[in-house]
PDB file of all heavy atoms in Angstrom:
ATOM      1  N   GLU A   1     -37.345  24.302  41.357  1.00  0.00           N
ATOM      2  CA  GLU A   1     -38.793  24.475  41.570  1.00  0.00           C
ATOM      3  C   GLU A   1     -39.560  24.378  40.249  1.00  0.00           C
ATOM      4  O   GLU A   1     -40.583  23.707  40.157  1.00  0.00           O
ATOM      5  CB  GLU A   1     -39.087  25.831  42.234  1.00  0.00           C
ATOM      6  CG  GLU A   1     -38.739  25.906  43.699  1.00  0.00           C
ATOM      7  CD  GLU A   1     -39.479  24.871  44.531  1.00  0.00           C
ATOM      8  OE1 GLU A   1     -40.697  24.712  44.377  1.00  0.00           O
ATOM      9  OE2 GLU A   1     -38.817  24.191  45.341  1.00  0.00           O
ATOM     10  N   TRP A   2     -39.046  25.052  39.215  1.00  0.00           N
ATOM     11  CA  TRP A   2     -39.733  25.026  37.913  1.00  0.00           C
ATOM     12  C   TRP A   2     -39.638  23.650  37.270  1.00  0.00           C
ATOM     13  O   TRP A   2     -40.593  23.184  36.649  1.00  0.00           O
ATOM     14  CB  TRP A   2     -39.164  26.114  36.988  1.00  0.00           C
ATOM     15  CG  TRP A   2     -39.596  27.484  37.417  1.00  0.00           C
ATOM     16  CD1 TRP A   2     -38.831  28.429  38.026  1.00  0.00           C
ATOM     17  CD2 TRP A   2     -40.907  28.049  37.321  1.00  0.00           C
ATOM     18  NE1 TRP A   2     -39.575  29.544  38.300  1.00  0.00           N
ATOM     19  CE2 TRP A   2     -40.852  29.351  37.873  1.00  0.00           C
ATOM     20  CE3 TRP A   2     -42.111  27.590  36.802  1.00  0.00           C
ATOM     21  CZ2 TRP A   2     -41.959  30.190  37.935  1.00  0.00           C
ATOM     22  CZ3 TRP A   2     -43.229  28.428  36.864  1.00  0.00           C
ATOM     23  CH2 TRP A   2     -43.145  29.708  37.419  1.00  0.00           C
ATOM     24  N   LEU A   3     -38.495  22.973  37.435  1.00  0.00           N
ATOM     25  CA  LEU A   3     -38.364  21.624  36.873  1.00  0.00           C
ATOM     26  C   LEU A   3     -39.286  20.633  37.590  1.00  0.00           C
ATOM     27  O   LEU A   3     -39.839  19.723  36.962  1.00  0.00           O
ATOM     28  CB  LEU A   3     -36.916  21.147  36.933  1.00  0.00           C
ATOM     29  CG  LEU A   3     -35.963  21.811  35.939  1.00  0.00           C
ATOM     30  CD1 LEU A   3     -34.536  21.359  36.187  1.00  0.00           C
ATOM     31  CD2 LEU A   3     -36.356  21.522  34.489  1.00  0.00           C
ATOM     32  N   LEU A   4     -39.491  20.824  38.889  1.00  0.00           N
ATOM     33  CA  LEU A   4     -40.422  19.957  39.627  1.00  0.00           C
ATOM     34  C   LEU A   4     -41.852  20.163  39.119  1.00  0.00           C
ATOM     35  O   LEU A   4     -42.621  19.203  38.983  1.00  0.00           O
ATOM     36  CB  LEU A   4     -40.326  20.217  41.138  1.00  0.00           C
ATOM     37  CG  LEU A   4     -39.039  19.718  41.800  1.00  0.00           C
ATOM     38  CD1 LEU A   4     -38.953  20.199  43.245  1.00  0.00           C
ATOM     39  CD2 LEU A   4     -38.931  18.194  41.725  1.00  0.00           C
ATOM     40  N   GLN A   5     -42.197  21.423  38.817  1.00  0.00           N
ATOM     41  CA  GLN A   5     -43.510  21.674  38.203  1.00  0.00           C
ATOM     42  C   GLN A   5     -43.591  21.008  36.833  1.00  0.00           C
ATOM     43  O   GLN A   5     -44.620  20.449  36.461  1.00  0.00           O
ATOM     44  CB  GLN A   5     -43.762  23.174  38.057  1.00  0.00           C
ATOM     45  CG  GLN A   5     -44.158  23.870  39.328  1.00  0.00           C
ATOM     46  CD  GLN A   5     -44.585  25.293  39.049  1.00  0.00           C
ATOM     47  OE1 GLN A   5     -45.424  25.558  38.183  1.00  0.00           O
ATOM     48  NE2 GLN A   5     -44.004  26.236  39.775  1.00  0.00           N
ATOM     49  N   LEU A   6     -42.487  21.083  36.107  1.00  0.00           N
ATOM     50  CA  LEU A   6     -42.452  20.504  34.762  1.00  0.00           C
ATOM     51  C   LEU A   6     -42.657  18.992  34.800  1.00  0.00           C
ATOM     52  O   LEU A   6     -43.420  18.445  33.999  1.00  0.00           O
ATOM     53  CB  LEU A   6     -41.130  20.862  34.080  1.00  0.00           C
ATOM     54  CG  LEU A   6     -40.876  20.289  32.690  1.00  0.00           C
ATOM     55  CD1 LEU A   6     -41.993  20.600  31.719  1.00  0.00           C
ATOM     56  CD2 LEU A   6     -39.549  20.808  32.147  1.00  0.00           C
ATOM     57  N   ILE A   7     -42.013  18.297  35.739  1.00  0.00           N
ATOM     58  CA  ILE A   7     -42.194  16.839  35.757  1.00  0.00           C
ATOM     59  C   ILE A   7     -43.577  16.431  36.272  1.00  0.00           C
ATOM     60  O   ILE A   7     -43.980  15.291  36.094  1.00  0.00           O
ATOM     61  CB  ILE A   7     -41.076  16.069  36.507  1.00  0.00           C
ATOM     62  CG1 ILE A   7     -40.990  16.464  37.962  1.00  0.00           C
ATOM     63  CG2 ILE A   7     -39.759  16.152  35.790  1.00  0.00           C
ATOM     64  CD1 ILE A   7     -40.134  15.519  38.782  1.00  0.00           C
ATOM     65  N   SER A   8     -44.302  17.370  36.872  1.00  0.00           N
ATOM     66  CA  SER A   8     -45.699  17.061  37.206  1.00  0.00           C
ATOM     67  C   SER A   8     -46.554  17.080  35.940  1.00  0.00           C
ATOM     68  O   SER A   8     -47.593  16.445  35.872  1.00  0.00           O
ATOM     69  CB  SER A   8     -46.244  18.041  38.246  1.00  0.00           C
ATOM     70  OG  SER A   8     -46.455  19.315  37.681  1.00  0.00           O
ATOM     71  N   VAL A   9     -46.077  17.786  34.909  1.00  0.00           N
ATOM     72  CA  VAL A   9     -46.788  17.841  33.622  1.00  0.00           C
ATOM     73  C   VAL A   9     -46.298  16.726  32.693  1.00  0.00           C
ATOM     74  O   VAL A   9     -47.088  16.077  32.019  1.00  0.00           O
ATOM     75  CB  VAL A   9     -46.592  19.225  32.951  1.00  0.00           C
ATOM     76  CG1 VAL A   9     -47.253  19.272  31.584  1.00  0.00           C
ATOM     77  CG2 VAL A   9     -47.132  20.336  33.840  1.00  0.00           C
ATOM     78  N   VAL A  10     -44.977  16.515  32.639  1.00  0.00           N
ATOM     79  CA  VAL A  10     -44.393  15.452  31.802  1.00  0.00           C
ATOM     80  C   VAL A  10     -43.488  14.572  32.670  1.00  0.00           C
ATOM     81  O   VAL A  10     -42.264  14.731  32.655  1.00  0.00           O
ATOM     82  CB  VAL A  10     -43.610  16.029  30.587  1.00  0.00           C
ATOM     83  CG1 VAL A  10     -44.536  16.507  29.497  1.00  0.00           C
ATOM     84  CG2 VAL A  10     -42.673  17.152  30.991  1.00  0.00           C
ATOM     85  N   PRO A  11     -44.065  13.646  33.424  1.00  0.00           N
ATOM     86  CA  PRO A  11     -43.281  12.885  34.401  1.00  0.00           C
ATOM     87  C   PRO A  11     -42.285  11.893  33.818  1.00  0.00           C
ATOM     88  O   PRO A  11     -41.429  11.390  34.541  1.00  0.00           O
ATOM     89  CB  PRO A  11     -44.359  12.152  35.213  1.00  0.00           C
ATOM     90  CG  PRO A  11     -45.546  12.117  34.346  1.00  0.00           C
ATOM     91  CD  PRO A  11     -45.489  13.329  33.468  1.00  0.00           C
ATOM     92  N   THR A  12     -42.361  11.618  32.516  1.00  0.00           N
ATOM     93  CA  THR A  12     -41.484  10.587  31.943  1.00  0.00           C
ATOM     94  C   THR A  12     -40.411  11.156  31.025  1.00  0.00           C
ATOM     95  O   THR A  12     -39.822  10.420  30.234  1.00  0.00           O
ATOM     96  CB  THR A  12     -42.323   9.555  31.151  1.00  0.00           C
ATOM     97  OG1 THR A  12     -43.021  10.245  30.105  1.00  0.00           O
ATOM     98  CG2 THR A  12     -43.322   8.850  32.053  1.00  0.00           C
ATOM     99  N   ASP A  13     -40.133  12.449  31.108  1.00  0.00           N
ATOM    100  CA  ASP A  13     -39.125  13.051  30.229  1.00  0.00           C
ATOM    101  C   ASP A  13     -37.731  12.819  30.821  1.00  0.00           C
ATOM    102  O   ASP A  13     -37.370  13.421  31.833  1.00  0.00           O
ATOM    103  CB  ASP A  13     -39.383  14.550  30.078  1.00  0.00           C
ATOM    104  CG  ASP A  13     -38.464  15.191  29.052  1.00  0.00           C
ATOM    105  OD1 ASP A  13     -37.239  14.941  29.100  1.00  0.00           O
ATOM    106  OD2 ASP A  13     -38.962  15.935  28.191  1.00  0.00           O
ATOM    107  N   PRO A  14     -36.919  11.931  30.202  1.00  0.00           N
ATOM    108  CA  PRO A  14     -35.614  11.590  30.783  1.00  0.00           C
ATOM    109  C   PRO A  14     -34.648  12.773  30.817  1.00  0.00           C
ATOM    110  O   PRO A  14     -33.811  12.870  31.718  1.00  0.00           O
ATOM    111  CB  PRO A  14     -35.100  10.475  29.881  1.00  0.00           C
ATOM    112  CG  PRO A  14     -35.827  10.629  28.599  1.00  0.00           C
ATOM    113  CD  PRO A  14     -37.161  11.225  28.940  1.00  0.00           C
ATOM    114  N   HIS A  15     -34.761  13.689  29.861  1.00  0.00           N
ATOM    115  CA  HIS A  15     -33.869  14.852  29.823  1.00  0.00           C
ATOM    116  C   HIS A  15     -34.119  15.750  31.033  1.00  0.00           C
ATOM    117  O   HIS A  15     -33.174  16.202  31.693  1.00  0.00           O
ATOM    118  CB  HIS A  15     -34.075  15.632  28.516  1.00  0.00           C
ATOM    119  CG  HIS A  15     -33.267  16.883  28.424  1.00  0.00           C
ATOM    120  ND1 HIS A  15     -31.898  16.876  28.299  1.00  0.00           N
ATOM    121  CD2 HIS A  15     -33.624  18.183  28.496  1.00  0.00           C
ATOM    122  CE1 HIS A  15     -31.451  18.122  28.271  1.00  0.00           C
ATOM    123  NE2 HIS A  15     -32.484  18.934  28.397  1.00  0.00           N
ATOM    124  N   VAL A  16     -35.398  15.999  31.322  1.00  0.00           N
ATOM    125  CA  VAL A  16     -35.748  16.852  32.461  1.00  0.00           C
ATOM    126  C   VAL A  16     -35.335  16.174  33.768  1.00  0.00           C
ATOM    127  O   VAL A  16     -34.790  16.819  34.671  1.00  0.00           O
ATOM    128  CB  VAL A  16     -37.262  17.157  32.466  1.00  0.00           C
ATOM    129  CG1 VAL A  16     -37.660  17.925  33.721  1.00  0.00           C
ATOM    130  CG2 VAL A  16     -37.639  17.960  31.223  1.00  0.00           C
ATOM    131  N   LEU A  17     -35.559  14.864  33.851  1.00  0.00           N
ATOM    132  CA  LEU A  17     -35.182  14.126  35.062  1.00  0.00           C
ATOM    133  C   LEU A  17     -33.666  14.168  35.296  1.00  0.00           C
ATOM    134  O   LEU A  17     -33.206  14.366  36.421  1.00  0.00           O
ATOM    135  CB  LEU A  17     -35.680  12.684  34.971  1.00  0.00           C
ATOM    136  CG  LEU A  17     -37.205  12.517  35.047  1.00  0.00           C
ATOM    137  CD1 LEU A  17     -37.624  11.138  34.559  1.00  0.00           C
ATOM    138  CD2 LEU A  17     -37.716  12.770  36.454  1.00  0.00           C
ATOM    139  N   SER A  18     -32.873  14.018  34.219  1.00  0.00           N
ATOM    140  CA  SER A  18     -31.412  14.078  34.389  1.00  0.00           C
ATOM    141  C   SER A  18     -30.963  15.496  34.728  1.00  0.00           C
ATOM    142  O   SER A  18     -30.013  15.693  35.482  1.00  0.00           O
ATOM    143  CB  SER A  18     -30.682  13.549  33.149  1.00  0.00           C
ATOM    144  OG  SER A  18     -30.771  14.445  32.078  1.00  0.00           O
ATOM    145  N   LYS A  19     -31.667  16.496  34.191  1.00  0.00           N
ATOM    146  CA  LYS A  19     -31.350  17.894  34.523  1.00  0.00           C
ATOM    147  C   LYS A  19     -31.590  18.147  36.016  1.00  0.00           C
ATOM    148  O   LYS A  19     -30.799  18.810  36.678  1.00  0.00           O
ATOM    149  CB  LYS A  19     -32.221  18.823  33.667  1.00  0.00           C
ATOM    150  CG  LYS A  19     -31.646  20.199  33.450  1.00  0.00           C
ATOM    151  CD  LYS A  19     -32.513  20.903  32.422  1.00  0.00           C
ATOM    152  CE  LYS A  19     -31.899  22.060  31.716  1.00  0.00           C
ATOM    153  NZ  LYS A  19     -30.509  22.068  31.458  1.00  0.00           N
ATOM    154  N   LEU A  20     -32.697  17.593  36.524  1.00  0.00           N
ATOM    155  CA  LEU A  20     -32.974  17.701  37.953  1.00  0.00           C
ATOM    156  C   LEU A  20     -31.877  17.010  38.768  1.00  0.00           C
ATOM    157  O   LEU A  20     -31.406  17.549  39.774  1.00  0.00           O
ATOM    158  CB  LEU A  20     -34.330  17.066  38.274  1.00  0.00           C
ATOM    159  CG  LEU A  20     -35.514  18.013  38.414  1.00  0.00           C
ATOM    160  CD1 LEU A  20     -36.812  17.232  38.488  1.00  0.00           C
ATOM    161  CD2 LEU A  20     -35.373  18.935  39.594  1.00  0.00           C
ATOM    162  N   GLY A  21     -31.483  15.814  38.329  1.00  0.00           N
ATOM    163  CA  GLY A  21     -30.400  15.093  38.996  1.00  0.00           C
ATOM    164  C   GLY A  21     -29.132  15.924  39.032  1.00  0.00           C
ATOM    165  O   GLY A  21     -28.463  16.025  40.077  1.00  0.00           O
ATOM    166  N   ASN A  22     -28.810  16.554  37.909  1.00  0.00           N
ATOM    167  CA  ASN A  22     -27.613  17.381  37.818  1.00  0.00           C
ATOM    168  C   ASN A  22     -27.675  18.567  38.771  1.00  0.00           C
ATOM    169  O   ASN A  22     -26.690  18.890  39.451  1.00  0.00           O
ATOM    170  CB  ASN A  22     -27.425  17.855  36.375  1.00  0.00           C
ATOM    171  CG  ASN A  22     -26.192  18.719  36.218  1.00  0.00           C
ATOM    172  OD1 ASN A  22     -26.270  19.935  36.332  1.00  0.00           O
ATOM    173  ND2 ASN A  22     -25.069  18.094  35.972  1.00  0.00           N
ATOM    174  N   LEU A  23     -28.847  19.237  38.842  1.00  0.00           N
ATOM    175  CA  LEU A  23     -28.982  20.395  39.732  1.00  0.00           C
ATOM    176  C   LEU A  23     -28.859  19.987  41.197  1.00  0.00           C
ATOM    177  O   LEU A  23     -28.199  20.664  41.982  1.00  0.00           O
ATOM    178  CB  LEU A  23     -30.329  21.095  39.481  1.00  0.00           C
ATOM    179  CG  LEU A  23     -30.357  22.011  38.260  1.00  0.00           C
ATOM    180  CD1 LEU A  23     -31.783  22.427  37.922  1.00  0.00           C
ATOM    181  CD2 LEU A  23     -29.497  23.244  38.490  1.00  0.00           C
ATOM    182  N   TYR A  24     -29.507  18.870  41.554  1.00  0.00           N
ATOM    183  CA  TYR A  24     -29.393  18.398  42.938  1.00  0.00           C
ATOM    184  C   TYR A  24     -27.945  18.014  43.259  1.00  0.00           C
ATOM    185  O   TYR A  24     -27.452  18.269  44.360  1.00  0.00           O
ATOM    186  CB  TYR A  24     -30.334  17.227  43.197  1.00  0.00           C
ATOM    187  CG  TYR A  24     -31.737  17.650  43.549  1.00  0.00           C
ATOM    188  CD1 TYR A  24     -32.823  17.327  42.738  1.00  0.00           C
ATOM    189  CD2 TYR A  24     -31.992  18.388  44.712  1.00  0.00           C
ATOM    190  CE1 TYR A  24     -34.111  17.710  43.059  1.00  0.00           C
ATOM    191  CE2 TYR A  24     -33.281  18.776  45.047  1.00  0.00           C
ATOM    192  CZ  TYR A  24     -34.338  18.435  44.218  1.00  0.00           C
ATOM    193  OH  TYR A  24     -35.616  18.828  44.557  1.00  0.00           O
ATOM    194  N   ASP A  25     -27.261  17.409  42.286  1.00  0.00           N
ATOM    195  CA  ASP A  25     -25.860  17.035  42.480  1.00  0.00           C
ATOM    196  C   ASP A  25     -25.009  18.279  42.711  1.00  0.00           C
ATOM    197  O   ASP A  25     -24.170  18.320  43.611  1.00  0.00           O
ATOM    198  CB  ASP A  25     -25.358  16.255  41.264  1.00  0.00           C
ATOM    199  CG  ASP A  25     -23.955  15.700  41.469  1.00  0.00           C
ATOM    200  OD1 ASP A  25     -23.624  15.313  42.613  1.00  0.00           O
ATOM    201  OD2 ASP A  25     -23.191  15.651  40.486  1.00  0.00           O
ATOM    202  N   THR A  26     -25.248  19.306  41.904  1.00  0.00           N
ATOM    203  CA  THR A  26     -24.521  20.572  42.045  1.00  0.00           C
ATOM    204  C   THR A  26     -24.758  21.191  43.420  1.00  0.00           C
ATOM    205  O   THR A  26     -23.855  21.794  44.002  1.00  0.00           O
ATOM    206  CB  THR A  26     -24.957  21.560  40.944  1.00  0.00           C
ATOM    207  OG1 THR A  26     -24.772  20.934  39.669  1.00  0.00           O
ATOM    208  CG2 THR A  26     -24.150  22.841  40.968  1.00  0.00           C
ATOM    209  N   GLU A  27     -25.976  21.017  43.936  1.00  0.00           N
ATOM    210  CA  GLU A  27     -26.331  21.563  45.242  1.00  0.00           C
ATOM    211  C   GLU A  27     -25.844  20.684  46.388  1.00  0.00           C
ATOM    212  O   GLU A  27     -26.035  21.011  47.554  1.00  0.00           O
ATOM    213  CB  GLU A  27     -27.853  21.740  45.339  1.00  0.00           C
ATOM    214  CG  GLU A  27     -28.394  22.875  44.490  1.00  0.00           C
ATOM    215  CD  GLU A  27     -27.837  24.228  44.903  1.00  0.00           C
ATOM    216  OE1 GLU A  27     -28.265  24.766  45.931  1.00  0.00           O
ATOM    217  OE2 GLU A  27     -26.936  24.729  44.197  1.00  0.00           O
ATOM    218  N   GLY A  28     -25.255  19.504  46.049  1.00  0.00           N
ATOM    219  CA  GLY A  28     -24.701  18.628  47.075  1.00  0.00           C
ATOM    220  C   GLY A  28     -25.691  17.635  47.674  1.00  0.00           C
ATOM    221  O   GLY A  28     -25.382  16.963  48.659  1.00  0.00           O
ATOM    222  N   ASP A  29     -26.892  17.547  47.085  1.00  0.00           N
ATOM    223  CA  ASP A  29     -27.905  16.613  47.586  1.00  0.00           C
ATOM    224  C   ASP A  29     -27.826  15.317  46.771  1.00  0.00           C
ATOM    225  O   ASP A  29     -28.546  15.124  45.795  1.00  0.00           O
ATOM    226  CB  ASP A  29     -29.294  17.252  47.488  1.00  0.00           C
ATOM    227  CG  ASP A  29     -30.380  16.440  48.185  1.00  0.00           C
ATOM    228  OD1 ASP A  29     -30.169  15.232  48.409  1.00  0.00           O
ATOM    229  OD2 ASP A  29     -31.440  17.019  48.489  1.00  0.00           O
ATOM    230  N   LYS A  30     -26.920  14.420  47.186  1.00  0.00           N
ATOM    231  CA  LYS A  30     -26.653  13.195  46.412  1.00  0.00           C
ATOM    232  C   LYS A  30     -27.858  12.260  46.363  1.00  0.00           C
ATOM    233  O   LYS A  30     -28.085  11.602  45.349  1.00  0.00           O
ATOM    234  CB  LYS A  30     -25.455  12.435  47.003  1.00  0.00           C
ATOM    235  CG  LYS A  30     -24.135  13.149  46.844  1.00  0.00           C
ATOM    236  CD  LYS A  30     -23.618  13.055  45.442  1.00  0.00           C
ATOM    237  CE  LYS A  30     -22.227  13.666  45.315  1.00  0.00           C
ATOM    238  NZ  LYS A  30     -21.843  13.915  43.948  1.00  0.00           N
ATOM    239  N   SER A  31     -28.631  12.177  47.444  1.00  0.00           N
ATOM    240  CA  SER A  31     -29.749  11.226  47.455  1.00  0.00           C
ATOM    241  C   SER A  31     -30.835  11.645  46.464  1.00  0.00           C
ATOM    242  O   SER A  31     -31.379  10.811  45.730  1.00  0.00           O
ATOM    243  CB  SER A  31     -30.329  11.051  48.857  1.00  0.00           C
ATOM    244  OG  SER A  31     -30.904  12.260  49.307  1.00  0.00           O
ATOM    245  N   GLN A  32     -31.140  12.951  46.398  1.00  0.00           N
ATOM    246  CA  GLN A  32     -32.122  13.431  45.423  1.00  0.00           C
ATOM    247  C   GLN A  32     -31.555  13.299  44.004  1.00  0.00           C
ATOM    248  O   GLN A  32     -32.274  12.928  43.083  1.00  0.00           O
ATOM    249  CB  GLN A  32     -32.500  14.891  45.693  1.00  0.00           C
ATOM    250  CG  GLN A  32     -33.464  15.064  46.846  1.00  0.00           C
ATOM    251  CD  GLN A  32     -34.874  14.614  46.490  1.00  0.00           C
ATOM    252  OE1 GLN A  32     -35.107  13.481  46.067  1.00  0.00           O
ATOM    253  NE2 GLN A  32     -35.829  15.491  46.676  1.00  0.00           N
ATOM    254  N   ALA A  33     -30.273  13.607  43.847  1.00  0.00           N
ATOM    255  CA  ALA A  33     -29.628  13.467  42.538  1.00  0.00           C
ATOM    256  C   ALA A  33     -29.722  12.020  42.075  1.00  0.00           C
ATOM    257  O   ALA A  33     -30.095  11.742  40.923  1.00  0.00           O
ATOM    258  CB  ALA A  33     -28.175  13.906  42.613  1.00  0.00           C
ATOM    259  N   PHE A  34     -29.429  11.088  42.967  1.00  0.00           N
ATOM    260  CA  PHE A  34     -29.498   9.660  42.644  1.00  0.00           C
ATOM    261  C   PHE A  34     -30.912   9.271  42.220  1.00  0.00           C
ATOM    262  O   PHE A  34     -31.102   8.568  41.219  1.00  0.00           O
ATOM    263  CB  PHE A  34     -29.066   8.832  43.862  1.00  0.00           C
ATOM    264  CG  PHE A  34     -29.216   7.346  43.669  1.00  0.00           C
ATOM    265  CD1 PHE A  34     -28.400   6.666  42.774  1.00  0.00           C
ATOM    266  CD2 PHE A  34     -30.181   6.630  44.363  1.00  0.00           C
ATOM    267  CE1 PHE A  34     -28.538   5.289  42.585  1.00  0.00           C
ATOM    268  CE2 PHE A  34     -30.332   5.259  44.178  1.00  0.00           C
ATOM    269  CZ  PHE A  34     -29.507   4.586  43.290  1.00  0.00           C
ATOM    270  N   HIS A  35     -31.900   9.752  42.963  1.00  0.00           N
ATOM    271  CA  HIS A  35     -33.306   9.436  42.634  1.00  0.00           C
ATOM    272  C   HIS A  35     -33.637   9.863  41.202  1.00  0.00           C
ATOM    273  O   HIS A  35     -34.181   9.075  40.419  1.00  0.00           O
ATOM    274  CB  HIS A  35     -34.252  10.117  43.633  1.00  0.00           C
ATOM    275  CG  HIS A  35     -35.685  10.060  43.220  1.00  0.00           C
ATOM    276  ND1 HIS A  35     -36.430   8.894  43.270  1.00  0.00           N
ATOM    277  CD2 HIS A  35     -36.510  11.007  42.710  1.00  0.00           C
ATOM    278  CE1 HIS A  35     -37.654   9.145  42.827  1.00  0.00           C
ATOM    279  NE2 HIS A  35     -37.719  10.411  42.481  1.00  0.00           N
ATOM    280  N   TYR A  36     -33.324  11.118  40.852  1.00  0.00           N
ATOM    281  CA  TYR A  36     -33.710  11.626  39.529  1.00  0.00           C
ATOM    282  C   TYR A  36     -32.865  11.037  38.403  1.00  0.00           C
ATOM    283  O   TYR A  36     -33.364  10.790  37.304  1.00  0.00           O
ATOM    284  CB  TYR A  36     -33.705  13.156  39.507  1.00  0.00           C
ATOM    285  CG  TYR A  36     -34.886  13.697  40.282  1.00  0.00           C
ATOM    286  CD1 TYR A  36     -34.719  14.324  41.510  1.00  0.00           C
ATOM    287  CD2 TYR A  36     -36.180  13.532  39.801  1.00  0.00           C
ATOM    288  CE1 TYR A  36     -35.808  14.784  42.232  1.00  0.00           C
ATOM    289  CE2 TYR A  36     -37.278  13.990  40.523  1.00  0.00           C
ATOM    290  CZ  TYR A  36     -37.086  14.607  41.728  1.00  0.00           C
ATOM    291  OH  TYR A  36     -38.172  15.053  42.439  1.00  0.00           O
ATOM    292  N   TYR A  37     -31.590  10.762  38.677  1.00  0.00           N
ATOM    293  CA  TYR A  37     -30.776  10.084  37.668  1.00  0.00           C
ATOM    294  C   TYR A  37     -31.299   8.667  37.422  1.00  0.00           C
ATOM    295  O   TYR A  37     -31.337   8.197  36.277  1.00  0.00           O
ATOM    296  CB  TYR A  37     -29.307  10.056  38.067  1.00  0.00           C
ATOM    297  CG  TYR A  37     -28.535  11.293  37.673  1.00  0.00           C
ATOM    298  CD1 TYR A  37     -27.824  12.036  38.612  1.00  0.00           C
ATOM    299  CD2 TYR A  37     -28.493  11.717  36.344  1.00  0.00           C
ATOM    300  CE1 TYR A  37     -27.101  13.158  38.243  1.00  0.00           C
ATOM    301  CE2 TYR A  37     -27.781  12.840  35.972  1.00  0.00           C
ATOM    302  CZ  TYR A  37     -27.089  13.554  36.919  1.00  0.00           C
ATOM    303  OH  TYR A  37     -26.377  14.679  36.541  1.00  0.00           O
ATOM    304  N   CYS A  38     -31.715   7.972  38.484  1.00  0.00           N
ATOM    305  CA  CYS A  38     -32.284   6.622  38.322  1.00  0.00           C
ATOM    306  C   CYS A  38     -33.559   6.665  37.496  1.00  0.00           C
ATOM    307  O   CYS A  38     -33.784   5.815  36.624  1.00  0.00           O
ATOM    308  CB  CYS A  38     -32.581   5.988  39.684  1.00  0.00           C
ATOM    309  SG  CYS A  38     -31.127   5.292  40.459  1.00  0.00           S
ATOM    310  N   GLU A  39     -34.405   7.666  37.775  1.00  0.00           N
ATOM    311  CA  GLU A  39     -35.652   7.819  37.011  1.00  0.00           C
ATOM    312  C   GLU A  39     -35.354   8.090  35.538  1.00  0.00           C
ATOM    313  O   GLU A  39     -35.980   7.526  34.642  1.00  0.00           O
ATOM    314  CB  GLU A  39     -36.508   8.956  37.593  1.00  0.00           C
ATOM    315  CG  GLU A  39     -37.201   8.611  38.882  1.00  0.00           C
ATOM    316  CD  GLU A  39     -38.228   7.506  38.703  1.00  0.00           C
ATOM    317  OE1 GLU A  39     -39.272   7.751  38.094  1.00  0.00           O
ATOM    318  OE2 GLU A  39     -37.971   6.373  39.151  1.00  0.00           O
ATOM    319  N   SER A  40     -34.377   8.954  35.295  1.00  0.00           N
ATOM    320  CA  SER A  40     -33.980   9.265  33.922  1.00  0.00           C
ATOM    321  C   SER A  40     -33.482   8.006  33.216  1.00  0.00           C
ATOM    322  O   SER A  40     -33.863   7.721  32.075  1.00  0.00           O
ATOM    323  CB  SER A  40     -32.886  10.339  33.925  1.00  0.00           C
ATOM    324  OG  SER A  40     -32.430  10.587  32.620  1.00  0.00           O
TER     325      SER A  40
END
């Protein structure tokens, strides 16, 4: 939730985007993980 707020402020930060991808991957949501890893 906090990282989603963060990317609304800095939408092009690859580190934050990959962190989001990692968290979604850990939670088992591969499609969201793929989206954020691709953005990163």
